[in-house]
N, C-alpha and C. Protein backbone atom coordinates (compact mmCIF):
# COMPACT_ATOMS: atom_id res chain seq x y z
N MET A 1 -26.32 -45.44 52.87
CA MET A 1 -26.55 -45.79 51.40
C MET A 1 -26.15 -44.69 50.28
N VAL A 2 -24.94 -43.63 51.28
CA VAL A 2 -25.13 -42.46 50.20
C VAL A 2 -24.79 -42.72 49.06
N GLY A 3 -25.32 -42.19 47.92
CA GLY A 3 -25.08 -42.38 46.40
C GLY A 3 -25.85 -43.18 46.01
N HIS A 4 -26.80 -43.96 46.55
CA HIS A 4 -27.59 -44.93 45.70
C HIS A 4 -28.89 -44.95 46.14
N ASN A 5 -30.04 -45.51 45.09
CA ASN A 5 -31.16 -44.99 45.43
C ASN A 5 -31.84 -46.12 46.40
N VAL A 6 -32.76 -45.36 47.41
CA VAL A 6 -33.17 -46.33 48.74
C VAL A 6 -34.87 -45.96 48.76
N THR A 7 -35.25 -46.96 49.42
CA THR A 7 -36.80 -47.32 49.04
C THR A 7 -36.70 -48.05 50.53
N TYR A 8 -37.70 -47.32 51.54
CA TYR A 8 -37.66 -47.58 52.85
C TYR A 8 -39.27 -47.97 52.91
N TYR A 9 -39.56 -49.37 53.17
CA TYR A 9 -40.70 -50.15 53.16
C TYR A 9 -41.10 -50.03 54.68
N VAL A 10 -42.30 -49.13 55.17
CA VAL A 10 -42.47 -49.44 56.52
C VAL A 10 -43.60 -50.11 56.74
N PHE A 11 -44.03 -51.11 57.73
CA PHE A 11 -44.71 -51.70 57.57
C PHE A 11 -45.65 -51.46 59.16
N THR A 12 -46.78 -51.31 59.05
CA THR A 12 -47.33 -50.79 60.34
C THR A 12 -49.02 -51.05 60.66
N ASP A 13 -49.71 -51.35 61.48
CA ASP A 13 -51.29 -51.24 61.61
C ASP A 13 -51.69 -49.91 61.47
N LYS A 14 -50.91 -48.57 61.95
CA LYS A 14 -51.32 -47.56 62.11
C LYS A 14 -50.73 -46.71 61.43
N VAL A 15 -50.75 -46.89 59.82
CA VAL A 15 -50.45 -45.89 58.81
C VAL A 15 -50.90 -44.77 59.17
N GLY A 16 -51.87 -44.29 59.61
CA GLY A 16 -52.41 -42.84 59.93
C GLY A 16 -51.80 -42.10 60.66
N ASP A 17 -50.89 -43.07 61.78
CA ASP A 17 -50.20 -41.90 62.81
C ASP A 17 -48.63 -41.61 62.09
N ILE A 18 -48.15 -41.92 60.93
CA ILE A 18 -46.98 -41.77 60.90
C ILE A 18 -46.91 -40.84 59.88
N VAL A 19 -46.06 -39.87 59.98
CA VAL A 19 -45.91 -38.64 59.67
C VAL A 19 -44.58 -38.40 58.65
N LYS A 20 -45.04 -38.26 57.38
CA LYS A 20 -43.93 -38.68 56.29
C LYS A 20 -43.29 -37.72 56.49
N PRO A 21 -41.73 -38.13 56.76
CA PRO A 21 -40.58 -37.03 56.79
C PRO A 21 -40.38 -36.21 55.69
N LYS A 22 -39.59 -35.46 55.24
CA LYS A 22 -39.17 -34.78 53.67
C LYS A 22 -37.98 -35.49 53.45
N MET A 23 -38.34 -36.23 52.22
CA MET A 23 -36.85 -37.37 51.90
C MET A 23 -36.25 -36.77 50.87
N GLY A 24 -34.68 -36.97 51.05
CA GLY A 24 -33.85 -36.26 50.47
C GLY A 24 -33.56 -37.11 48.68
N ASP A 25 -32.86 -36.59 47.70
CA ASP A 25 -32.82 -37.10 46.37
C ASP A 25 -32.60 -38.67 46.59
N GLY A 26 -33.33 -39.37 45.85
CA GLY A 26 -33.09 -40.63 45.78
C GLY A 26 -33.51 -41.70 46.96
N ARG A 27 -34.30 -40.98 47.75
CA ARG A 27 -34.61 -41.85 48.90
C ARG A 27 -36.48 -41.28 49.00
N ASN A 28 -36.77 -42.89 49.04
CA ASN A 28 -38.49 -43.00 48.97
C ASN A 28 -38.67 -43.64 49.88
N LEU A 29 -40.26 -43.12 50.76
CA LEU A 29 -41.00 -43.89 51.66
C LEU A 29 -41.99 -44.55 51.04
N GLN A 30 -42.54 -45.48 51.68
CA GLN A 30 -43.84 -46.27 51.32
C GLN A 30 -44.37 -47.18 52.67
N LEU A 31 -45.17 -46.72 52.57
CA LEU A 31 -46.39 -47.49 53.88
C LEU A 31 -46.94 -48.51 53.53
N HIS A 32 -46.91 -49.27 54.48
CA HIS A 32 -47.95 -50.38 54.37
C HIS A 32 -48.39 -50.57 55.30
N GLU A 33 -50.00 -51.07 55.60
CA GLU A 33 -50.54 -51.16 56.24
C GLU A 33 -50.87 -52.86 56.55
N VAL A 34 -50.66 -53.37 57.76
CA VAL A 34 -50.83 -54.66 57.96
C VAL A 34 -52.01 -54.55 59.32
N THR A 35 -52.73 -56.00 59.68
CA THR A 35 -53.82 -55.89 60.62
C THR A 35 -52.82 -56.04 61.82
N ALA A 36 -53.64 -55.75 62.72
CA ALA A 36 -52.41 -56.05 64.29
C ALA A 36 -52.84 -57.08 64.55
N ASP A 37 -51.90 -57.58 65.58
CA ASP A 37 -52.07 -59.03 66.26
C ASP A 37 -51.77 -58.47 67.91
N ILE A 38 -52.68 -59.83 68.47
CA ILE A 38 -52.94 -59.34 70.20
C ILE A 38 -51.32 -59.71 70.35
N ARG A 39 -50.69 -60.77 70.29
CA ARG A 39 -49.62 -61.08 71.33
C ARG A 39 -48.77 -60.23 70.20
N TRP A 40 -47.33 -60.07 70.90
CA TRP A 40 -46.10 -59.38 69.92
C TRP A 40 -45.40 -60.56 69.90
N GLN A 41 -45.53 -61.88 70.55
CA GLN A 41 -44.70 -62.86 69.77
C GLN A 41 -45.20 -62.94 67.90
N ASP A 42 -47.03 -63.29 67.71
CA ASP A 42 -47.14 -62.79 66.59
C ASP A 42 -46.77 -62.28 65.64
N VAL A 43 -46.85 -60.89 66.26
CA VAL A 43 -46.18 -59.53 65.14
C VAL A 43 -44.68 -60.03 64.98
N SER A 44 -43.98 -60.28 65.90
CA SER A 44 -42.79 -60.87 65.23
C SER A 44 -42.45 -61.55 64.38
N MET A 45 -43.54 -62.99 64.17
CA MET A 45 -43.63 -64.21 63.42
C MET A 45 -44.05 -63.74 62.08
N ARG A 46 -45.38 -62.69 62.13
CA ARG A 46 -45.91 -62.64 60.86
C ARG A 46 -44.97 -61.53 59.75
N ARG A 47 -44.06 -61.40 60.51
CA ARG A 47 -42.60 -60.73 59.53
C ARG A 47 -42.29 -61.64 58.46
N MET A 48 -41.89 -63.05 58.63
CA MET A 48 -41.73 -63.74 57.92
C MET A 48 -42.91 -64.26 56.33
N GLU A 49 -44.25 -64.32 56.81
CA GLU A 49 -44.95 -64.44 56.08
C GLU A 49 -45.10 -63.00 54.88
N ILE A 50 -45.13 -61.89 55.55
CA ILE A 50 -44.87 -60.64 55.00
C ILE A 50 -43.87 -60.63 54.19
N LEU A 51 -42.90 -61.09 54.54
CA LEU A 51 -41.56 -60.79 53.64
C LEU A 51 -41.62 -61.94 52.43
N THR A 52 -42.31 -63.06 52.68
CA THR A 52 -42.43 -64.06 51.41
C THR A 52 -43.62 -63.41 50.53
N ILE A 53 -44.11 -62.93 50.90
CA ILE A 53 -45.46 -62.19 49.93
C ILE A 53 -44.76 -61.50 49.23
N ILE A 54 -44.10 -60.46 49.90
CA ILE A 54 -43.67 -58.91 48.88
C ILE A 54 -42.43 -59.56 48.12
N THR A 55 -41.51 -60.51 48.25
CA THR A 55 -40.45 -60.75 47.83
C THR A 55 -40.68 -61.76 46.52
N LYS A 56 -41.94 -62.17 46.41
CA LYS A 56 -42.59 -62.90 45.52
C LYS A 56 -43.16 -61.78 44.50
N GLU A 57 -43.97 -61.26 45.36
CA GLU A 57 -45.32 -60.78 44.75
C GLU A 57 -44.37 -59.03 43.84
N GLN A 58 -43.74 -58.35 44.72
CA GLN A 58 -43.79 -57.06 44.76
C GLN A 58 -42.33 -56.26 44.18
N LEU A 59 -41.28 -57.48 44.68
CA LEU A 59 -39.94 -56.88 44.95
C LEU A 59 -39.24 -57.28 44.00
N PRO A 60 -39.50 -58.66 43.31
CA PRO A 60 -38.28 -58.93 42.02
C PRO A 60 -38.51 -57.58 40.71
N ASN A 61 -37.34 -57.91 40.44
CA ASN A 61 -37.11 -56.68 39.38
C ASN A 61 -36.87 -55.37 39.32
N LYS A 62 -37.14 -54.84 40.83
CA LYS A 62 -37.51 -53.48 41.20
C LYS A 62 -36.36 -52.95 41.98
N ILE A 63 -35.30 -53.99 42.84
CA ILE A 63 -34.61 -53.63 43.76
C ILE A 63 -33.49 -54.56 43.82
N ASP A 64 -32.10 -54.15 43.92
CA ASP A 64 -31.29 -55.18 44.08
C ASP A 64 -31.03 -55.71 45.26
N TYR A 65 -30.82 -55.19 46.01
CA TYR A 65 -30.85 -55.41 47.54
C TYR A 65 -31.86 -55.25 48.38
N LEU A 66 -32.33 -56.46 49.30
CA LEU A 66 -33.27 -55.95 50.70
C LEU A 66 -32.76 -56.05 51.80
N VAL A 67 -33.22 -54.82 52.78
CA VAL A 67 -32.01 -54.87 54.30
C VAL A 67 -33.43 -54.78 55.20
N CYS A 68 -33.54 -55.89 56.17
CA CYS A 68 -34.67 -56.22 56.92
C CYS A 68 -34.00 -55.78 58.15
N ALA A 69 -35.26 -54.59 58.94
CA ALA A 69 -34.40 -54.11 60.08
C ALA A 69 -35.75 -54.23 60.92
N ASP A 70 -35.35 -53.97 62.40
CA ASP A 70 -36.62 -53.80 63.29
C ASP A 70 -36.51 -52.17 63.27
N VAL A 71 -37.87 -51.64 63.77
CA VAL A 71 -38.17 -50.29 63.68
C VAL A 71 -37.51 -49.65 65.13
N ASP A 72 -37.07 -50.09 65.98
CA ASP A 72 -37.06 -49.57 67.48
C ASP A 72 -35.55 -49.55 67.28
N MET A 73 -34.93 -49.08 66.61
CA MET A 73 -33.58 -48.88 65.90
C MET A 73 -33.06 -47.62 65.78
N VAL A 74 -32.17 -46.80 65.98
CA VAL A 74 -31.44 -45.57 65.53
C VAL A 74 -29.90 -45.84 65.18
N PHE A 75 -29.72 -44.96 64.26
CA PHE A 75 -28.55 -45.02 63.51
C PHE A 75 -27.64 -44.31 64.39
N ASN A 76 -26.33 -44.64 64.58
CA ASN A 76 -25.39 -44.07 65.49
C ASN A 76 -24.05 -43.98 64.85
N ASP A 77 -23.73 -44.32 63.76
CA ASP A 77 -22.76 -44.06 63.04
C ASP A 77 -23.00 -44.34 61.53
N HIS A 78 -21.44 -44.26 60.52
CA HIS A 78 -22.26 -44.61 59.06
C HIS A 78 -22.32 -46.46 59.07
N MET A 79 -23.44 -46.48 58.25
CA MET A 79 -23.84 -47.81 57.73
C MET A 79 -23.85 -47.86 56.20
N GLY A 80 -23.44 -48.32 55.70
CA GLY A 80 -23.36 -48.44 54.04
C GLY A 80 -23.26 -49.35 53.26
N VAL A 81 -22.90 -49.34 51.69
CA VAL A 81 -22.92 -50.85 51.04
C VAL A 81 -22.32 -51.97 51.28
N GLU A 82 -20.98 -51.33 52.26
CA GLU A 82 -20.22 -52.42 52.57
C GLU A 82 -21.03 -53.76 53.76
N ILE A 83 -22.19 -53.26 54.45
CA ILE A 83 -22.72 -54.61 54.58
C ILE A 83 -23.41 -55.33 53.57
N LEU A 84 -23.73 -54.90 52.64
CA LEU A 84 -24.72 -55.92 51.62
C LEU A 84 -23.51 -57.11 50.92
N SER A 85 -24.55 -58.19 50.85
CA SER A 85 -23.73 -59.44 49.86
C SER A 85 -25.21 -60.33 49.93
N ASP A 86 -25.06 -61.55 48.83
CA ASP A 86 -26.17 -62.34 48.66
C ASP A 86 -27.18 -62.69 49.78
N LEU A 87 -26.51 -62.49 51.12
CA LEU A 87 -27.07 -62.84 52.17
C LEU A 87 -26.61 -62.64 53.66
N PHE A 88 -26.64 -61.60 54.27
CA PHE A 88 -25.95 -61.17 55.36
C PHE A 88 -26.97 -61.22 56.29
N ALA A 89 -25.89 -61.60 57.35
CA ALA A 89 -26.39 -61.51 58.91
C ALA A 89 -25.81 -60.77 59.78
N THR A 90 -26.10 -60.65 60.98
CA THR A 90 -25.48 -59.67 61.86
C THR A 90 -25.34 -60.68 63.54
N LEU A 91 -24.21 -61.00 64.00
CA LEU A 91 -24.16 -61.73 65.19
C LEU A 91 -25.10 -60.78 66.14
N HIS A 92 -25.66 -61.84 67.09
CA HIS A 92 -26.40 -60.89 68.23
C HIS A 92 -25.47 -60.63 69.49
N PRO A 93 -25.81 -59.30 69.59
CA PRO A 93 -24.56 -58.36 70.62
C PRO A 93 -24.71 -59.26 71.83
N GLY A 94 -25.54 -60.02 72.42
CA GLY A 94 -25.82 -60.60 73.62
C GLY A 94 -24.76 -62.07 73.69
N LEU A 95 -24.97 -62.36 72.18
CA LEU A 95 -24.23 -63.46 72.21
C LEU A 95 -22.69 -63.98 71.49
N PHE A 96 -22.35 -63.12 71.18
CA PHE A 96 -21.48 -62.90 70.34
C PHE A 96 -19.81 -63.58 70.78
N LEU A 97 -19.89 -63.70 72.06
CA LEU A 97 -18.85 -64.26 72.97
C LEU A 97 -19.22 -65.52 73.36
N ALA A 98 -20.22 -65.65 73.54
CA ALA A 98 -20.57 -67.06 74.20
C ALA A 98 -20.17 -68.51 73.34
N GLU A 99 -20.14 -69.26 74.28
CA GLU A 99 -19.71 -70.63 73.47
C GLU A 99 -21.22 -71.39 72.78
N PRO A 100 -21.21 -72.02 71.83
CA PRO A 100 -22.14 -72.56 70.82
C PRO A 100 -23.24 -73.24 71.48
N GLN A 101 -22.83 -74.14 72.80
CA GLN A 101 -23.67 -75.09 73.63
C GLN A 101 -24.79 -73.63 74.92
N ALA A 102 -24.03 -72.59 74.75
CA ALA A 102 -24.81 -71.53 75.44
C ALA A 102 -25.79 -70.72 74.55
N PHE A 103 -25.89 -71.05 72.81
CA PHE A 103 -26.54 -70.05 72.20
C PHE A 103 -27.99 -70.69 72.50
N THR A 104 -28.99 -69.77 72.55
CA THR A 104 -30.15 -69.81 72.51
C THR A 104 -31.46 -70.52 71.42
N TYR A 105 -30.65 -71.50 70.86
CA TYR A 105 -31.41 -72.23 70.08
C TYR A 105 -32.42 -72.81 70.17
N GLU A 106 -33.63 -73.19 69.25
CA GLU A 106 -34.51 -73.99 69.77
C GLU A 106 -34.12 -75.46 69.95
N ARG A 107 -34.08 -75.96 71.34
CA ARG A 107 -33.67 -77.41 71.35
C ARG A 107 -34.42 -78.60 71.62
N ARG A 108 -35.70 -78.24 71.58
CA ARG A 108 -36.92 -79.37 71.37
C ARG A 108 -36.84 -79.61 69.97
N ASN A 109 -36.50 -81.35 69.99
CA ASN A 109 -36.77 -81.93 68.76
C ASN A 109 -38.40 -81.90 67.92
N ILE A 110 -39.16 -81.56 68.61
CA ILE A 110 -40.55 -81.55 68.08
C ILE A 110 -40.54 -80.78 66.98
N SER A 111 -39.87 -79.00 67.00
CA SER A 111 -39.95 -77.99 66.55
C SER A 111 -39.03 -78.07 65.09
N ALA A 112 -39.80 -77.27 64.25
CA ALA A 112 -38.97 -77.61 62.88
C ALA A 112 -37.76 -76.56 62.93
N ALA A 113 -37.76 -75.83 64.08
CA ALA A 113 -36.70 -74.82 64.30
C ALA A 113 -35.30 -75.62 64.88
N TYR A 114 -35.66 -76.80 65.33
CA TYR A 114 -34.47 -77.53 66.03
C TYR A 114 -33.27 -77.47 65.77
N ILE A 115 -32.42 -77.26 66.24
CA ILE A 115 -30.74 -77.31 66.24
C ILE A 115 -30.17 -77.82 67.20
N PRO A 116 -29.65 -79.52 67.19
CA PRO A 116 -28.87 -79.87 68.27
C PRO A 116 -27.64 -79.42 68.39
N TYR A 117 -27.27 -80.28 69.85
CA TYR A 117 -26.21 -79.52 70.54
C TYR A 117 -24.85 -79.80 69.52
N GLY A 118 -24.11 -79.43 69.27
CA GLY A 118 -22.67 -79.48 68.49
C GLY A 118 -23.13 -78.95 67.03
N GLU A 119 -24.06 -78.34 66.37
CA GLU A 119 -24.40 -77.44 65.42
C GLU A 119 -24.49 -76.19 65.75
N GLY A 120 -24.23 -75.19 64.53
CA GLY A 120 -24.08 -74.01 64.60
C GLY A 120 -23.08 -73.16 65.27
N ASP A 121 -22.55 -72.24 64.06
CA ASP A 121 -21.30 -71.64 64.72
C ASP A 121 -21.45 -70.32 65.14
N PHE A 122 -22.54 -69.85 64.92
CA PHE A 122 -23.11 -68.53 65.46
C PHE A 122 -24.32 -68.60 66.01
N TYR A 123 -24.84 -67.21 66.66
CA TYR A 123 -25.76 -66.95 67.11
C TYR A 123 -26.26 -65.54 66.21
N TYR A 124 -27.93 -65.76 65.15
CA TYR A 124 -27.66 -64.03 64.73
C TYR A 124 -28.75 -63.68 65.34
N ILE A 125 -28.96 -62.43 64.91
CA ILE A 125 -29.74 -61.60 65.82
C ILE A 125 -31.08 -61.10 64.30
N ALA A 126 -32.40 -61.62 64.42
CA ALA A 126 -33.00 -61.34 63.56
C ALA A 126 -33.45 -59.75 63.40
N ALA A 127 -33.03 -59.17 63.90
CA ALA A 127 -33.04 -57.49 64.09
C ALA A 127 -32.44 -57.05 62.90
N LEU A 128 -31.25 -57.15 62.31
CA LEU A 128 -30.86 -56.64 60.82
C LEU A 128 -29.94 -58.03 60.24
N TYR A 129 -30.87 -58.42 59.07
CA TYR A 129 -30.21 -59.03 58.00
C TYR A 129 -30.63 -58.62 56.53
N GLY A 130 -30.26 -59.18 55.57
CA GLY A 130 -30.78 -59.14 54.50
C GLY A 130 -29.71 -59.38 53.06
N GLY A 131 -30.02 -59.00 51.71
CA GLY A 131 -29.24 -59.98 50.58
C GLY A 131 -30.04 -59.66 49.42
N LYS A 132 -29.83 -60.36 48.36
CA LYS A 132 -30.66 -60.37 47.09
C LYS A 132 -32.07 -60.89 46.96
N VAL A 133 -32.63 -59.94 46.49
CA VAL A 133 -34.41 -60.47 47.16
C VAL A 133 -34.86 -62.03 46.89
N GLU A 134 -34.23 -62.64 45.93
CA GLU A 134 -34.22 -64.06 45.96
C GLU A 134 -33.90 -64.67 46.74
N GLU A 135 -32.42 -64.47 47.91
CA GLU A 135 -32.25 -65.02 48.86
C GLU A 135 -32.98 -64.76 49.99
N ILE A 136 -33.57 -63.97 50.09
CA ILE A 136 -34.41 -63.11 51.28
C ILE A 136 -36.04 -63.91 51.60
N HIS A 137 -36.23 -64.42 49.64
CA HIS A 137 -37.38 -65.11 49.43
C HIS A 137 -37.33 -66.61 49.62
N LYS A 138 -36.09 -67.37 49.78
CA LYS A 138 -35.53 -68.51 50.09
C LYS A 138 -35.96 -68.34 51.72
N LEU A 139 -35.33 -67.60 52.33
CA LEU A 139 -34.93 -67.60 53.89
C LEU A 139 -36.43 -67.32 54.63
N SER A 140 -37.08 -66.40 54.21
CA SER A 140 -38.35 -66.11 54.57
C SER A 140 -39.59 -67.23 54.47
N THR A 141 -39.14 -68.05 53.41
CA THR A 141 -40.53 -69.13 52.96
C THR A 141 -40.22 -70.19 53.90
N ALA A 142 -38.77 -70.72 53.92
CA ALA A 142 -38.34 -71.46 54.58
C ALA A 142 -38.83 -71.43 56.26
N CYS A 143 -38.80 -70.12 56.99
CA CYS A 143 -39.22 -69.78 58.08
C CYS A 143 -40.57 -69.74 58.55
N GLN A 144 -40.74 -69.30 57.60
CA GLN A 144 -42.37 -69.39 57.35
C GLN A 144 -43.15 -70.88 57.38
N ASN A 145 -42.61 -71.80 56.73
CA ASN A 145 -42.96 -72.88 56.41
C ASN A 145 -42.55 -73.66 57.97
N GLY A 146 -41.70 -73.32 58.47
CA GLY A 146 -41.51 -73.63 59.86
C GLY A 146 -42.33 -73.14 60.74
N ILE A 147 -42.98 -72.02 61.06
CA ILE A 147 -43.97 -71.50 61.80
C ILE A 147 -44.88 -72.48 61.78
N LYS A 148 -45.31 -72.61 60.78
CA LYS A 148 -46.84 -73.09 60.08
C LYS A 148 -46.61 -74.75 60.52
N GLU A 149 -45.49 -75.26 60.43
CA GLU A 149 -45.05 -76.51 60.90
C GLU A 149 -45.74 -76.52 62.12
N ASP A 150 -45.00 -75.87 62.81
CA ASP A 150 -44.87 -75.56 64.55
C ASP A 150 -46.88 -75.50 65.26
N LYS A 151 -47.06 -74.58 64.19
CA LYS A 151 -48.50 -74.49 64.65
C LYS A 151 -49.11 -75.52 64.62
N LYS A 152 -48.98 -76.27 63.36
CA LYS A 152 -49.92 -77.59 63.47
C LYS A 152 -49.63 -78.54 64.72
N LYS A 153 -48.55 -78.49 65.07
CA LYS A 153 -48.73 -78.88 66.31
C LYS A 153 -48.61 -78.38 67.71
N ASN A 154 -48.92 -77.23 67.76
CA ASN A 154 -49.55 -76.22 68.62
C ASN A 154 -48.12 -75.90 69.83
N ILE A 155 -47.43 -75.71 69.02
CA ILE A 155 -46.06 -75.20 69.69
C ILE A 155 -45.38 -74.02 68.99
N GLU A 156 -44.54 -73.48 69.73
CA GLU A 156 -43.75 -72.01 69.51
C GLU A 156 -42.35 -72.21 69.88
N ALA A 157 -41.48 -71.97 68.71
CA ALA A 157 -40.32 -71.79 69.11
C ALA A 157 -39.59 -70.88 70.07
N VAL A 158 -38.98 -71.40 70.42
CA VAL A 158 -38.49 -70.41 71.94
C VAL A 158 -38.22 -68.84 71.56
N TRP A 159 -37.82 -68.50 70.37
CA TRP A 159 -37.59 -67.48 69.99
C TRP A 159 -38.20 -66.85 68.80
N GLN A 160 -39.69 -67.34 68.16
CA GLN A 160 -40.23 -67.16 67.37
C GLN A 160 -39.68 -67.24 66.38
N GLU A 161 -39.60 -66.37 65.62
CA GLU A 161 -39.24 -66.00 64.02
C GLU A 161 -37.64 -66.67 64.31
N GLU A 162 -37.20 -66.06 65.03
CA GLU A 162 -35.71 -65.62 65.21
C GLU A 162 -34.91 -67.21 65.58
N SER A 163 -35.98 -68.08 66.03
CA SER A 163 -35.38 -69.50 66.33
C SER A 163 -35.16 -69.94 64.62
N HIS A 164 -36.43 -70.00 64.20
CA HIS A 164 -36.42 -70.59 62.27
C HIS A 164 -35.73 -69.52 61.31
N PHE A 165 -35.24 -68.50 61.83
CA PHE A 165 -34.15 -67.74 61.16
C PHE A 165 -32.82 -68.66 61.33
N ASN A 166 -32.14 -68.77 62.86
CA ASN A 166 -31.30 -69.41 63.09
C ASN A 166 -30.95 -70.90 62.51
N ARG A 167 -32.10 -71.26 62.31
CA ARG A 167 -32.32 -72.95 61.80
C ARG A 167 -31.63 -72.89 60.27
N TYR A 168 -32.08 -71.66 59.60
CA TYR A 168 -31.80 -71.40 58.31
C TYR A 168 -30.45 -71.78 58.10
N LEU A 169 -29.76 -70.29 58.38
CA LEU A 169 -28.55 -69.67 58.51
C LEU A 169 -27.55 -71.14 59.11
N VAL A 170 -28.03 -71.95 59.81
CA VAL A 170 -26.78 -72.98 60.13
C VAL A 170 -27.13 -73.93 59.39
N TYR A 171 -27.66 -74.30 58.31
CA TYR A 171 -27.35 -75.04 57.23
C TYR A 171 -27.81 -74.48 55.83
N ASN A 172 -27.70 -73.14 55.52
CA ASN A 172 -27.41 -72.34 54.51
C ASN A 172 -26.65 -71.10 54.94
N LYS A 173 -25.50 -70.98 55.07
CA LYS A 173 -24.57 -70.01 55.37
C LYS A 173 -24.97 -68.55 54.83
N PRO A 174 -24.70 -67.53 55.82
CA PRO A 174 -24.74 -66.19 54.94
C PRO A 174 -23.50 -66.62 53.96
N THR A 175 -23.73 -65.14 53.29
CA THR A 175 -22.07 -64.78 52.45
C THR A 175 -21.38 -63.68 53.33
N LYS A 176 -21.95 -63.21 54.25
CA LYS A 176 -21.78 -61.90 55.04
C LYS A 176 -21.65 -62.05 56.37
N VAL A 177 -21.23 -62.12 57.23
CA VAL A 177 -21.34 -61.66 58.52
C VAL A 177 -21.12 -60.64 58.98
N LEU A 178 -21.51 -59.70 59.59
CA LEU A 178 -21.48 -58.76 60.43
C LEU A 178 -21.25 -58.70 62.10
N SER A 179 -20.53 -57.88 62.47
CA SER A 179 -20.20 -58.32 63.79
C SER A 179 -21.27 -57.11 64.49
N PRO A 180 -21.33 -57.17 66.07
CA PRO A 180 -22.02 -56.37 66.74
C PRO A 180 -21.85 -55.03 66.26
N GLU A 181 -20.68 -54.62 66.18
CA GLU A 181 -20.90 -52.75 65.58
C GLU A 181 -22.15 -52.68 64.72
N TYR A 182 -22.68 -53.26 63.89
CA TYR A 182 -23.54 -53.20 63.47
C TYR A 182 -25.27 -53.27 64.00
N LEU A 183 -24.91 -53.77 65.02
CA LEU A 183 -26.21 -53.30 65.71
C LEU A 183 -25.79 -54.01 67.33
N TRP A 184 -26.19 -52.99 68.45
CA TRP A 184 -25.53 -53.03 69.46
C TRP A 184 -26.80 -52.48 70.44
N ASP A 185 -26.49 -52.89 71.59
CA ASP A 185 -27.27 -52.58 72.70
C ASP A 185 -26.61 -51.72 73.68
N THR A 186 -27.05 -50.67 74.02
CA THR A 186 -25.63 -50.22 75.00
C THR A 186 -26.31 -50.51 76.21
N ARG A 187 -27.42 -51.10 76.84
CA ARG A 187 -27.40 -52.11 77.77
C ARG A 187 -26.21 -52.82 78.46
N LEU A 188 -25.69 -53.34 77.32
CA LEU A 188 -24.93 -54.59 77.42
C LEU A 188 -23.25 -54.28 77.72
N VAL A 189 -22.54 -55.19 78.92
CA VAL A 189 -21.81 -54.50 79.33
C VAL A 189 -20.16 -55.42 78.82
N ASN A 190 -20.46 -56.70 78.01
CA ASN A 190 -19.50 -57.00 77.53
C ASN A 190 -19.03 -56.48 76.34
N GLY A 191 -18.66 -55.30 76.00
CA GLY A 191 -18.22 -54.98 74.52
C GLY A 191 -17.53 -53.62 74.81
N GLU A 192 -16.73 -53.52 75.42
CA GLU A 192 -16.03 -51.98 75.75
C GLU A 192 -15.23 -52.10 74.66
N PHE A 193 -14.61 -52.95 73.93
CA PHE A 193 -13.76 -53.27 72.76
C PHE A 193 -14.49 -52.94 71.50
N ILE A 194 -15.45 -52.89 71.65
CA ILE A 194 -16.39 -52.47 70.33
C ILE A 194 -16.28 -51.12 70.25
N LYS A 195 -15.95 -50.10 69.52
CA LYS A 195 -15.48 -48.63 69.53
C LYS A 195 -16.63 -48.22 68.33
N LYS A 196 -16.85 -49.21 67.24
CA LYS A 196 -17.72 -48.28 66.47
C LYS A 196 -19.39 -49.17 66.93
N ARG A 197 -20.33 -48.21 66.88
CA ARG A 197 -21.73 -48.91 67.43
C ARG A 197 -22.55 -48.09 66.46
N ARG A 198 -22.78 -48.45 65.31
CA ARG A 198 -23.22 -48.10 64.17
C ARG A 198 -25.23 -47.51 64.25
N PHE A 199 -25.91 -49.26 64.74
CA PHE A 199 -27.20 -49.26 64.59
C PHE A 199 -26.87 -49.28 66.18
N LEU A 200 -28.20 -48.93 66.89
CA LEU A 200 -28.07 -49.17 68.31
C LEU A 200 -29.73 -49.36 68.92
N ALA A 201 -30.41 -50.23 69.48
CA ALA A 201 -31.27 -50.72 69.80
C ALA A 201 -31.78 -49.65 71.03
N VAL A 202 -33.24 -49.04 70.54
CA VAL A 202 -33.53 -47.58 71.27
C VAL A 202 -34.16 -48.54 73.11
N HIS A 203 -33.79 -48.28 73.91
CA HIS A 203 -34.59 -48.68 75.23
C HIS A 203 -35.75 -48.25 75.13
N LYS A 204 -36.62 -49.20 75.64
CA LYS A 204 -37.93 -48.73 75.97
C LYS A 204 -38.68 -49.71 77.08
N ASN A 205 -39.90 -49.84 77.41
CA ASN A 205 -40.55 -50.54 78.30
C ASN A 205 -41.00 -51.54 77.97
N GLN A 206 -40.03 -52.80 77.81
CA GLN A 206 -40.79 -54.07 76.93
C GLN A 206 -42.20 -54.35 77.44
N LYS A 207 -42.20 -54.33 78.92
CA LYS A 207 -43.92 -54.79 79.10
C LYS A 207 -44.82 -53.83 78.52
N GLU A 208 -44.45 -52.69 78.71
CA GLU A 208 -45.86 -51.91 78.18
C GLU A 208 -45.61 -51.90 76.93
N VAL A 209 -44.66 -51.89 75.73
CA VAL A 209 -44.96 -52.22 74.32
C VAL A 209 -45.58 -53.39 73.87
N ARG A 210 -45.16 -54.44 74.94
CA ARG A 210 -45.57 -55.61 74.61
C ARG A 210 -46.73 -56.07 74.72
N ASN A 211 -47.27 -55.46 75.84
CA ASN A 211 -49.19 -55.42 76.37
C ASN A 211 -49.46 -54.15 75.75
């Protein structure tokens, strides 16, 4: 976002472990402490609760756009204001070539994240999305309400908040869709034709991290 003021909001349960880097002009880092969860699924789902709160209480009238991203990523190429829109989402790098019937939507109709076969054009990854604050508030509120509704039924969507995220976007289309070049995983083998790989997933021991 060269030439624009950017504030990085980092949410972590270990604020004391963060070494603040020297920030350039127009750059600001804000650390926010959150309570730890035992299960990684709960960590993942609680993001929608946090987003709902900050987009209502802290961010209105302070910023123009909010970009939400996983922390286990690394920039590999330029990524700028071309991504911004009222509500943008990113195609999942592992499913962008799949037929809709193969999308890993929540298919159980008991869940609030349910998407029936025959509906949905794309499968979006919940590791990079964003937009105007009011649009993100609508999205996160809908997802959080769905998560709470499922908890009352003692169920959990197949891909936690990403399932509710996709449910919302099926019926509330994003105004911009980013190709997988904006979020890529080099372990995938189906993207030889994607030459620009701007934002890369960091390889890690999933079992170790999640436990």
